[in-house]
């Protein structure tokens, strides 16, 4: 799971950096929050989680790790696509979808945190 998270994080990094380059070329910074979230919650957070899971295999064998993996990797794309759509004038429902994706992502991150706090020394 650790290596998979690191690979997924690199995809978020490439997408996030591409958003930044697009905004730099066009001088349109409407999607700055999407760019920042992709880089921080996608690239940095998932890469670090992948490193933790790789260095401490007992962490990735827990149910919390599996739940973290799926909540983070389902919630984040829902949140990012919904935020972008809402910012660009999509229907109001996308604000709710962004919140739901955010809740999923936060729950995943909390599970990762509790997993590390409870199992790192074992």
C-alpha atoms as a PDB file:
ATOM      1  CA  UNK A   1       0.000   0.000   0.000  1.00  0.00           C
ATOM      2  CA  UNK A   2       2.880   2.398   0.754  1.00  0.00           C
ATOM      3  CA  UNK A   3       4.308   2.258  -2.751  1.00  0.00           C
ATOM      4  CA  UNK A   4       0.819   2.566  -4.257  1.00  0.00           C
ATOM      5  CA  UNK A   5       0.162   5.725  -2.237  1.00  0.00           C
ATOM      6  CA  UNK A   6       3.493   7.181  -3.349  1.00  0.00           C
ATOM      7  CA  UNK A   7       2.601   6.509  -6.999  1.00  0.00           C
ATOM      8  CA  UNK A   8      -0.857   8.045  -6.568  1.00  0.00           C
ATOM      9  CA  UNK A   9       0.713  11.072  -4.868  1.00  0.00           C
ATOM     10  CA  UNK A  10       2.952  11.649  -7.889  1.00  0.00           C
ATOM     11  CA  UNK A  11      -0.142  11.742 -10.125  1.00  0.00           C
ATOM     12  CA  UNK A  12      -1.636  14.428  -7.865  1.00  0.00           C
ATOM     13  CA  UNK A  13       1.688  16.289  -8.002  1.00  0.00           C
ATOM     14  CA  UNK A  14       1.698  16.291 -11.811  1.00  0.00           C
ATOM     15  CA  UNK A  15      -1.926  17.450 -11.947  1.00  0.00           C
ATOM     16  CA  UNK A  16      -1.409  20.118  -9.263  1.00  0.00           C
ATOM     17  CA  UNK A  17       1.723  21.508 -10.876  1.00  0.00           C
ATOM     18  CA  UNK A  18      -0.018  21.549 -14.256  1.00  0.00           C
ATOM     19  CA  UNK A  19      -2.831  23.620 -12.716  1.00  0.00           C
ATOM     20  CA  UNK A  20      -0.206  26.042 -11.432  1.00  0.00           C
ATOM     21  CA  UNK A  21       1.461  26.314 -14.836  1.00  0.00           C
ATOM     22  CA  UNK A  22      -1.914  26.863 -16.515  1.00  0.00           C
ATOM     23  CA  UNK A  23      -2.721  29.666 -14.065  1.00  0.00           C
ATOM     24  CA  UNK A  24       0.700  31.198 -14.636  1.00  0.00           C
ATOM     25  CA  UNK A  25       0.257  31.201 -18.418  1.00  0.00           C
ATOM     26  CA  UNK A  26      -3.298  32.536 -18.381  1.00  0.00           C
ATOM     27  CA  UNK A  27      -3.063  34.848 -15.339  1.00  0.00           C
ATOM     28  CA  UNK A  28      -6.404  33.393 -14.261  1.00  0.00           C
ATOM     29  CA  UNK A  29      -6.137  32.223 -10.669  1.00  0.00           C
ATOM     30  CA  UNK A  30      -9.717  31.142 -10.045  1.00  0.00           C
ATOM     31  CA  UNK A  31      -8.707  27.563  -9.331  1.00  0.00           C
ATOM     32  CA  UNK A  32      -5.952  28.396  -6.824  1.00  0.00           C
ATOM     33  CA  UNK A  33      -7.690  26.482  -4.035  1.00  0.00           C
ATOM     34  CA  UNK A  34      -7.867  23.378  -6.223  1.00  0.00           C
ATOM     35  CA  UNK A  35      -4.166  23.746  -7.108  1.00  0.00           C
ATOM     36  CA  UNK A  36      -3.214  24.077  -3.438  1.00  0.00           C
ATOM     37  CA  UNK A  37      -5.361  21.152  -2.283  1.00  0.00           C
ATOM     38  CA  UNK A  38      -4.059  18.877  -5.037  1.00  0.00           C
ATOM     39  CA  UNK A  39      -0.485  19.628  -4.040  1.00  0.00           C
ATOM     40  CA  UNK A  40      -0.906  19.522  -0.267  1.00  0.00           C
ATOM     41  CA  UNK A  41      -3.639  16.958   0.358  1.00  0.00           C
ATOM     42  CA  UNK A  42      -2.845  14.911  -2.756  1.00  0.00           C
ATOM     43  CA  UNK A  43       0.899  15.081  -3.332  1.00  0.00           C
ATOM     44  CA  UNK A  44       2.414  15.850   0.082  1.00  0.00           C
ATOM     45  CA  UNK A  45      -0.045  14.066   2.381  1.00  0.00           C
ATOM     46  CA  UNK A  46      -0.325  10.879   0.345  1.00  0.00           C
ATOM     47  CA  UNK A  47       3.440  10.742  -0.272  1.00  0.00           C
ATOM     48  CA  UNK A  48       4.131  11.040   3.448  1.00  0.00           C
ATOM     49  CA  UNK A  49       1.495   8.442   4.290  1.00  0.00           C
ATOM     50  CA  UNK A  50       3.074   6.149   1.702  1.00  0.00           C
ATOM     51  CA  UNK A  51       6.487   6.627   3.309  1.00  0.00           C
ATOM     52  CA  UNK A  52       5.038   5.842   6.750  1.00  0.00           C
ATOM     53  CA  UNK A  53       3.366   2.690   5.451  1.00  0.00           C
ATOM     54  CA  UNK A  54       6.512   1.622   3.616  1.00  0.00           C
ATOM     55  CA  UNK A  55       8.842   2.200   6.572  1.00  0.00           C
ATOM     56  CA  UNK A  56       6.454   0.705   9.133  1.00  0.00           C
ATOM     57  CA  UNK A  57       4.666  -2.231   7.458  1.00  0.00           C
ATOM     58  CA  UNK A  58       2.652  -2.984  10.603  1.00  0.00           C
ATOM     59  CA  UNK A  59       0.787   0.305  10.008  1.00  0.00           C
ATOM     60  CA  UNK A  60      -0.434  -0.696   6.554  1.00  0.00           C
ATOM     61  CA  UNK A  61      -1.770  -4.048   7.753  1.00  0.00           C
ATOM     62  CA  UNK A  62      -4.456  -2.449   9.910  1.00  0.00           C
ATOM     63  CA  UNK A  63      -8.070  -1.871   8.984  1.00  0.00           C
ATOM     64  CA  UNK A  64      -7.524   1.824   9.671  1.00  0.00           C
ATOM     65  CA  UNK A  65      -4.905   1.925   6.898  1.00  0.00           C
ATOM     66  CA  UNK A  66      -7.247   0.315   4.403  1.00  0.00           C
ATOM     67  CA  UNK A  67     -10.063   2.704   5.362  1.00  0.00           C
ATOM     68  CA  UNK A  68      -7.652   5.657   5.136  1.00  0.00           C
ATOM     69  CA  UNK A  69      -6.544   4.565   1.669  1.00  0.00           C
ATOM     70  CA  UNK A  70     -10.080   4.343   0.272  1.00  0.00           C
ATOM     71  CA  UNK A  71     -11.571   7.373   2.044  1.00  0.00           C
ATOM     72  CA  UNK A  72      -8.659   9.604   0.991  1.00  0.00           C
ATOM     73  CA  UNK A  73      -8.562   8.335  -2.587  1.00  0.00           C
ATOM     74  CA  UNK A  74     -12.311   8.560  -3.130  1.00  0.00           C
ATOM     75  CA  UNK A  75     -12.946  11.716  -1.118  1.00  0.00           C
ATOM     76  CA  UNK A  76     -10.159  13.863  -2.566  1.00  0.00           C
ATOM     77  CA  UNK A  77     -11.130  13.561  -6.256  1.00  0.00           C
ATOM     78  CA  UNK A  78     -14.787  14.146  -5.375  1.00  0.00           C
ATOM     79  CA  UNK A  79     -13.795  17.234  -3.401  1.00  0.00           C
ATOM     80  CA  UNK A  80     -11.424  18.604  -6.077  1.00  0.00           C
ATOM     81  CA  UNK A  81     -13.750  18.081  -9.031  1.00  0.00           C
ATOM     82  CA  UNK A  82     -16.675  19.509  -7.067  1.00  0.00           C
ATOM     83  CA  UNK A  83     -14.763  22.582  -5.878  1.00  0.00           C
ATOM     84  CA  UNK A  84     -13.555  23.283  -9.422  1.00  0.00           C
ATOM     85  CA  UNK A  85     -17.044  22.818 -10.850  1.00  0.00           C
ATOM     86  CA  UNK A  86     -18.618  25.023  -8.157  1.00  0.00           C
ATOM     87  CA  UNK A  87     -16.009  27.775  -8.647  1.00  0.00           C
ATOM     88  CA  UNK A  88     -16.560  27.701 -12.393  1.00  0.00           C
ATOM     89  CA  UNK A  89     -20.295  28.298 -11.925  1.00  0.00           C
ATOM     90  CA  UNK A  90     -21.721  24.784 -11.762  1.00  0.00           C
ATOM     91  CA  UNK A  91     -24.949  23.953  -9.958  1.00  0.00           C
ATOM     92  CA  UNK A  92     -25.233  24.423  -6.168  1.00  0.00           C
ATOM     93  CA  UNK A  93     -25.122  20.657  -5.615  1.00  0.00           C
ATOM     94  CA  UNK A  94     -21.365  20.764  -6.193  1.00  0.00           C
ATOM     95  CA  UNK A  95     -20.866  22.689  -2.950  1.00  0.00           C
ATOM     96  CA  UNK A  96     -22.527  19.816  -1.101  1.00  0.00           C
ATOM     97  CA  UNK A  97     -20.490  17.247  -3.024  1.00  0.00           C
ATOM     98  CA  UNK A  98     -17.293  19.166  -2.195  1.00  0.00           C
ATOM     99  CA  UNK A  99     -18.230  19.032   1.485  1.00  0.00           C
ATOM    100  CA  UNK A 100     -18.984  15.304   1.321  1.00  0.00           C
ATOM    101  CA  UNK A 101     -15.672  14.639  -0.417  1.00  0.00           C
ATOM    102  CA  UNK A 102     -13.954  16.779   2.194  1.00  0.00           C
ATOM    103  CA  UNK A 103     -15.568  14.846   5.039  1.00  0.00           C
ATOM    104  CA  UNK A 104     -14.427  11.555   3.498  1.00  0.00           C
ATOM    105  CA  UNK A 105     -10.883  12.878   3.107  1.00  0.00           C
ATOM    106  CA  UNK A 106     -10.743  14.231   6.657  1.00  0.00           C
ATOM    107  CA  UNK A 107     -12.033  10.929   8.065  1.00  0.00           C
ATOM    108  CA  UNK A 108      -9.328   9.117   6.124  1.00  0.00           C
ATOM    109  CA  UNK A 109      -6.636  11.457   7.427  1.00  0.00           C
ATOM    110  CA  UNK A 110      -7.921  11.059  10.996  1.00  0.00           C
ATOM    111  CA  UNK A 111      -7.754   7.273  10.632  1.00  0.00           C
ATOM    112  CA  UNK A 112      -4.191   7.586   9.344  1.00  0.00           C
ATOM    113  CA  UNK A 113      -3.301   9.775  12.327  1.00  0.00           C
ATOM    114  CA  UNK A 114      -4.861   7.433  14.882  1.00  0.00           C
ATOM    115  CA  UNK A 115      -3.203   4.473  13.201  1.00  0.00           C
ATOM    116  CA  UNK A 116       0.222   6.125  13.512  1.00  0.00           C
ATOM    117  CA  UNK A 117      -0.395   7.216  17.102  1.00  0.00           C
ATOM    118  CA  UNK A 118      -1.636   3.789  18.197  1.00  0.00           C
ATOM    119  CA  UNK A 119       0.634   1.443  16.228  1.00  0.00           C
ATOM    120  CA  UNK A 120       3.911   3.182  15.379  1.00  0.00           C
ATOM    121  CA  UNK A 121       5.799   1.748  18.363  1.00  0.00           C
ATOM    122  CA  UNK A 122       4.490  -1.791  17.990  1.00  0.00           C
END
